[in-house]
């Protein structure tokens, strides 16, 4: 495996991006891996590496670069702590148009990489970035063939770029993996997404007995069985759509 971290130019600056891909057998389909609210950390790099070992060119960009922030470190459990408040401020500092501009920069960089296959792209986002992964499919419909939101937030809003409206904007296969108990994506929101995806090339799946964050090994809510199921779902999604 080859891992490296580089600065990729964007419209608003340069985003530090962790890239992992197999040493041999390329070019490899690209996976855009969008971070969750607690930012870049080794836990996410390890997840990117796991995806890469299945034959993908994985790009994990820092979405907080505009604020000069890379890693937040350990966050207290107290939701009212200054560290948690700072995280929510950072999360609110970015939006879909910004992240899609960043994505444009990532794909422009990948164009010049022999290890990356530019016509086969998948996306995945966790927590705040589920909406970004789904929007990658709608903003780059000719290239992004599959996108997954894992316990994504802001899935059904009044905005024109709301993820629940994505089915009519892309031919990509969409997957929504949702926690059974999630204050950020309650059952009524998940049901609205399910109804809007009826008849589309999409799946909305609820993971029984889980809470928001269940796929992250370092979280207290980590659920090993559900996390492994989400890996199976992701890899199957990409096998179906990112093969020659």
Protein backbone atom coordinates (compact mmCIF):
# COMPACT_ATOMS: atom_id res chain seq x y z
CA UNK A 1 0.00 0.00 0.00
CA UNK A 2 1.04 3.58 -0.66
CA UNK A 3 -0.01 6.35 1.76
CA UNK A 4 0.81 9.99 1.46
CA UNK A 5 -0.54 13.36 2.58
CA UNK A 6 -0.45 16.35 0.24
CA UNK A 7 -1.79 19.86 -0.21
CA UNK A 8 -4.37 20.03 -3.01
CA UNK A 9 -5.29 23.44 -4.50
CA UNK A 10 -8.94 24.50 -4.29
CA UNK A 11 -10.87 27.64 -5.11
CA UNK A 12 -10.40 28.86 -1.50
CA UNK A 13 -6.88 27.68 -0.72
CA UNK A 14 -5.30 24.26 -0.24
CA UNK A 15 -6.79 21.26 1.51
CA UNK A 16 -4.50 18.77 3.22
CA UNK A 17 -5.57 15.41 1.81
CA UNK A 18 -4.63 11.91 2.93
CA UNK A 19 -4.41 9.49 0.00
CA UNK A 20 -4.11 5.70 0.16
CA UNK A 21 -4.04 3.22 -2.72
CA UNK A 22 -2.58 -0.17 -3.67
CA UNK A 23 1.00 -0.24 -4.86
CA UNK A 24 0.19 -2.41 -7.88
CA UNK A 25 -2.59 -3.13 -10.33
CA UNK A 26 -3.75 0.39 -11.11
CA UNK A 27 -5.29 2.58 -12.17
CA UNK A 28 -7.77 2.26 -9.32
CA UNK A 29 -11.29 3.71 -9.04
CA UNK A 30 -11.39 6.82 -6.87
CA UNK A 31 -13.23 6.90 -3.54
CA UNK A 32 -13.99 10.35 -2.11
CA UNK A 33 -14.02 9.85 1.67
CA UNK A 34 -15.56 12.86 3.42
CA UNK A 35 -14.70 13.29 7.11
CA UNK A 36 -17.21 13.60 9.93
CA UNK A 37 -17.53 16.58 12.29
CA UNK A 38 -14.64 15.66 14.67
CA UNK A 39 -12.24 16.16 11.73
CA UNK A 40 -9.22 14.28 10.45
CA UNK A 41 -7.66 11.71 12.80
CA UNK A 42 -5.88 8.39 12.62
CA UNK A 43 -9.19 6.54 13.02
CA UNK A 44 -10.34 7.96 9.66
CA UNK A 45 -6.98 7.32 8.03
CA UNK A 46 -7.24 3.68 9.07
CA UNK A 47 -10.71 3.48 7.53
CA UNK A 48 -9.38 5.03 4.32
CA UNK A 49 -6.61 2.43 4.28
CA UNK A 50 -9.16 -0.36 4.70
CA UNK A 51 -11.06 0.88 1.66
CA UNK A 52 -7.84 1.20 -0.31
CA UNK A 53 -6.84 -2.41 0.33
CA UNK A 54 -9.89 -3.45 -1.68
CA UNK A 55 -8.42 -1.81 -4.77
CA UNK A 56 -9.35 1.87 -4.55
CA UNK A 57 -7.61 5.24 -4.74
CA UNK A 58 -9.00 6.82 -1.57
CA UNK A 59 -8.92 10.58 -0.99
CA UNK A 60 -9.64 11.91 2.53
CA UNK A 61 -9.59 15.74 2.46
CA UNK A 62 -9.53 18.12 5.41
CA UNK A 63 -12.76 20.10 5.04
CA UNK A 64 -11.86 22.62 7.79
CA UNK A 65 -8.83 24.07 6.01
CA UNK A 66 -10.53 27.43 5.50
CA UNK A 67 -10.47 27.86 9.29
CA UNK A 68 -6.86 26.72 9.55
CA UNK A 69 -7.87 23.59 11.46
CA UNK A 70 -6.67 20.06 10.73
CA UNK A 71 -7.17 17.84 13.79
CA UNK A 72 -9.32 18.58 16.83
CA UNK A 73 -7.89 15.92 19.11
CA UNK A 74 -9.80 14.19 21.88
CA UNK A 75 -13.26 15.70 22.43
CA UNK A 76 -14.90 15.74 25.88
CA UNK A 77 -18.22 13.94 26.23
CA UNK A 78 -19.86 17.11 27.59
CA UNK A 79 -21.82 18.65 24.67
CA UNK A 80 -21.43 22.09 26.30
CA UNK A 81 -17.64 21.93 26.49
CA UNK A 82 -15.68 24.61 24.60
CA UNK A 83 -14.14 21.90 22.41
CA UNK A 84 -17.55 20.58 21.35
CA UNK A 85 -18.84 24.08 20.72
CA UNK A 86 -15.81 24.76 18.54
CA UNK A 87 -16.52 21.58 16.57
CA UNK A 88 -20.10 22.69 15.88
CA UNK A 89 -18.84 26.12 14.80
CA UNK A 90 -16.47 24.47 12.34
CA UNK A 91 -19.21 22.18 11.08
CA UNK A 92 -21.44 25.22 10.43
CA UNK A 93 -18.61 27.04 8.64
CA UNK A 94 -18.85 24.82 5.56
CA UNK A 95 -21.70 23.91 3.25
CA UNK A 96 -22.54 21.90 0.14
CA UNK A 97 -21.33 24.47 -2.44
CA UNK A 98 -18.00 24.84 -0.62
CA UNK A 99 -17.41 21.11 -0.38
CA UNK A 100 -18.38 20.57 -4.00
CA UNK A 101 -15.77 23.17 -5.00
CA UNK A 102 -13.27 21.25 -2.89
CA UNK A 103 -14.34 18.07 -4.66
CA UNK A 104 -13.69 19.74 -7.99
CA UNK A 105 -10.14 20.43 -6.81
CA UNK A 106 -9.66 16.84 -5.66
CA UNK A 107 -10.79 15.46 -9.00
CA UNK A 108 -8.59 17.92 -10.88
CA UNK A 109 -5.61 16.65 -8.91
CA UNK A 110 -6.57 13.02 -9.55
CA UNK A 111 -6.63 13.71 -13.29
CA UNK A 112 -2.85 13.81 -13.25
CA UNK A 113 -2.30 10.67 -11.15
CA UNK A 114 -1.45 7.45 -12.95
CA UNK A 115 -2.74 5.37 -10.01
CA UNK A 116 -6.23 6.91 -10.20
CA UNK A 117 -8.98 5.89 -12.61
CA UNK A 118 -10.88 9.08 -13.35
CA UNK A 119 -14.04 7.64 -14.91
CA UNK A 120 -14.94 5.39 -11.95
CA UNK A 121 -15.65 7.36 -8.78
CA UNK A 122 -17.44 6.50 -5.55
CA UNK A 123 -18.14 8.60 -2.48
CA UNK A 124 -18.83 8.01 1.19
CA UNK A 125 -19.60 10.42 4.00
CA UNK A 126 -20.24 9.96 7.69
CA UNK A 127 -22.29 12.16 10.01
CA UNK A 128 -22.21 15.75 8.66
CA UNK A 129 -20.71 14.52 5.39
CA UNK A 130 -23.38 12.06 4.34
CA UNK A 131 -25.00 14.96 2.48
CA UNK A 132 -21.69 15.78 0.81
CA UNK A 133 -21.22 12.25 -0.50
CA UNK A 134 -24.74 12.21 -1.95
CA UNK A 135 -24.22 15.64 -3.50
CA UNK A 136 -21.00 14.46 -5.12
CA UNK A 137 -23.20 12.10 -7.13
CA UNK A 138 -25.56 14.89 -8.18
CA UNK A 139 -22.87 17.49 -8.92
CA UNK A 140 -20.60 15.12 -10.86
CA UNK A 141 -23.17 12.74 -12.38
CA UNK A 142 -20.97 11.68 -15.29
CA UNK A 143 -18.20 10.44 -13.01
CA UNK A 144 -19.59 9.52 -9.59
CA UNK A 145 -21.24 6.11 -9.98
CA UNK A 146 -22.02 5.27 -6.34
CA UNK A 147 -22.43 7.25 -3.13
CA UNK A 148 -23.10 6.28 0.47
CA UNK A 149 -24.30 8.27 3.46
CA UNK A 150 -23.56 6.56 6.78
CA UNK A 151 -25.66 7.97 9.63
CA UNK A 152 -25.75 11.19 7.66
CA UNK A 153 -27.31 14.38 8.98
CA UNK A 154 -29.40 17.05 7.22
CA UNK A 155 -30.82 14.37 4.94
CA UNK A 156 -34.21 15.99 4.33
CA UNK A 157 -34.19 19.78 4.40
CA UNK A 158 -35.94 22.59 2.52
CA UNK A 159 -32.78 23.28 0.52
CA UNK A 160 -32.73 22.41 -3.22
CA UNK A 161 -29.60 20.29 -2.63
CA UNK A 162 -31.18 18.22 0.14
CA UNK A 163 -30.03 14.58 -0.13
CA UNK A 164 -33.59 13.29 -0.17
CA UNK A 165 -34.05 14.98 -3.57
CA UNK A 166 -30.99 13.36 -5.13
CA UNK A 167 -32.64 10.44 -6.90
CA UNK A 168 -33.85 12.57 -9.80
CA UNK A 169 -30.45 14.21 -10.33
CA UNK A 170 -28.12 11.26 -10.78
CA UNK A 171 -27.91 7.75 -12.20
CA UNK A 172 -25.50 6.74 -9.43
CA UNK A 173 -26.53 4.04 -6.99
CA UNK A 174 -27.22 5.63 -3.60
CA UNK A 175 -27.03 4.01 -0.18
CA UNK A 176 -28.23 5.44 3.13
CA UNK A 177 -27.09 3.48 6.20
CA UNK A 178 -28.94 4.84 9.23
CA UNK A 179 -28.68 4.24 12.97
CA UNK A 180 -31.83 3.04 14.68
CA UNK A 181 -31.44 5.71 17.39
CA UNK A 182 -30.10 9.00 16.07
CA UNK A 183 -31.05 12.43 17.36
CA UNK A 184 -29.41 13.94 14.26
CA UNK A 185 -31.48 11.83 11.85
CA UNK A 186 -34.67 10.75 13.64
CA UNK A 187 -37.03 8.11 12.29
CA UNK A 188 -39.34 10.61 10.58
CA UNK A 189 -36.42 12.03 8.58
CA UNK A 190 -35.22 8.58 7.56
CA UNK A 191 -38.76 7.70 6.48
CA UNK A 192 -38.93 10.84 4.34
CA UNK A 193 -35.70 9.80 2.63
CA UNK A 194 -37.04 6.27 2.14
CA UNK A 195 -40.23 7.55 0.51
CA UNK A 196 -38.32 9.91 -1.77
CA UNK A 197 -36.05 7.05 -2.90
CA UNK A 198 -38.97 4.78 -3.79
CA UNK A 199 -38.36 3.40 -7.28
CA UNK A 200 -34.85 4.86 -7.49
CA UNK A 201 -31.53 3.05 -7.72
CA UNK A 202 -31.12 3.44 -3.98
CA UNK A 203 -31.40 1.71 -0.61
CA UNK A 204 -32.25 3.10 2.80
CA UNK A 205 -31.25 0.68 5.56
CA UNK A 206 -31.69 1.00 9.31
CA UNK A 207 -29.13 -0.79 11.48
CA UNK A 208 -31.01 -2.28 14.47
CA UNK A 209 -29.70 -1.59 17.95
CA UNK A 210 -27.30 1.14 16.85
CA UNK A 211 -26.65 4.77 17.69
CA UNK A 212 -25.14 7.64 15.71
CA UNK A 213 -21.45 6.90 15.20
CA UNK A 214 -21.68 3.11 15.35
CA UNK A 215 -19.04 2.48 12.64
CA UNK A 216 -16.19 4.33 14.35
CA UNK A 217 -14.02 1.95 16.42
CA UNK A 218 -12.96 4.65 18.89
CA UNK A 219 -16.49 5.72 19.82
CA UNK A 220 -18.29 4.42 22.92
CA UNK A 221 -21.27 3.61 20.65
CA UNK A 222 -19.16 1.42 18.34
CA UNK A 223 -21.09 -1.67 17.29
CA UNK A 224 -18.77 -4.25 15.76
CA UNK A 225 -21.44 -6.28 13.98
CA UNK A 226 -23.09 -3.20 12.50
CA UNK A 227 -19.73 -1.70 11.55
CA UNK A 228 -18.74 -4.85 9.68
CA UNK A 229 -22.11 -4.91 7.95
CA UNK A 230 -21.57 -1.34 6.79
CA UNK A 231 -18.20 -2.36 5.32
CA UNK A 232 -19.87 -5.23 3.48
CA UNK A 233 -22.53 -2.86 2.13
CA UNK A 234 -19.96 -0.28 1.04
CA UNK A 235 -17.67 -2.72 -0.72
CA UNK A 236 -20.58 -4.43 -2.47
CA UNK A 237 -21.87 -1.02 -3.61
CA UNK A 238 -18.50 -0.19 -5.12
CA UNK A 239 -18.02 -3.61 -6.68
CA UNK A 240 -21.35 -3.25 -8.49
CA UNK A 241 -20.64 0.20 -9.82
CA UNK A 242 -16.91 0.74 -10.06
CA UNK A 243 -15.89 -2.28 -12.08
CA UNK A 244 -14.75 -2.23 -15.69
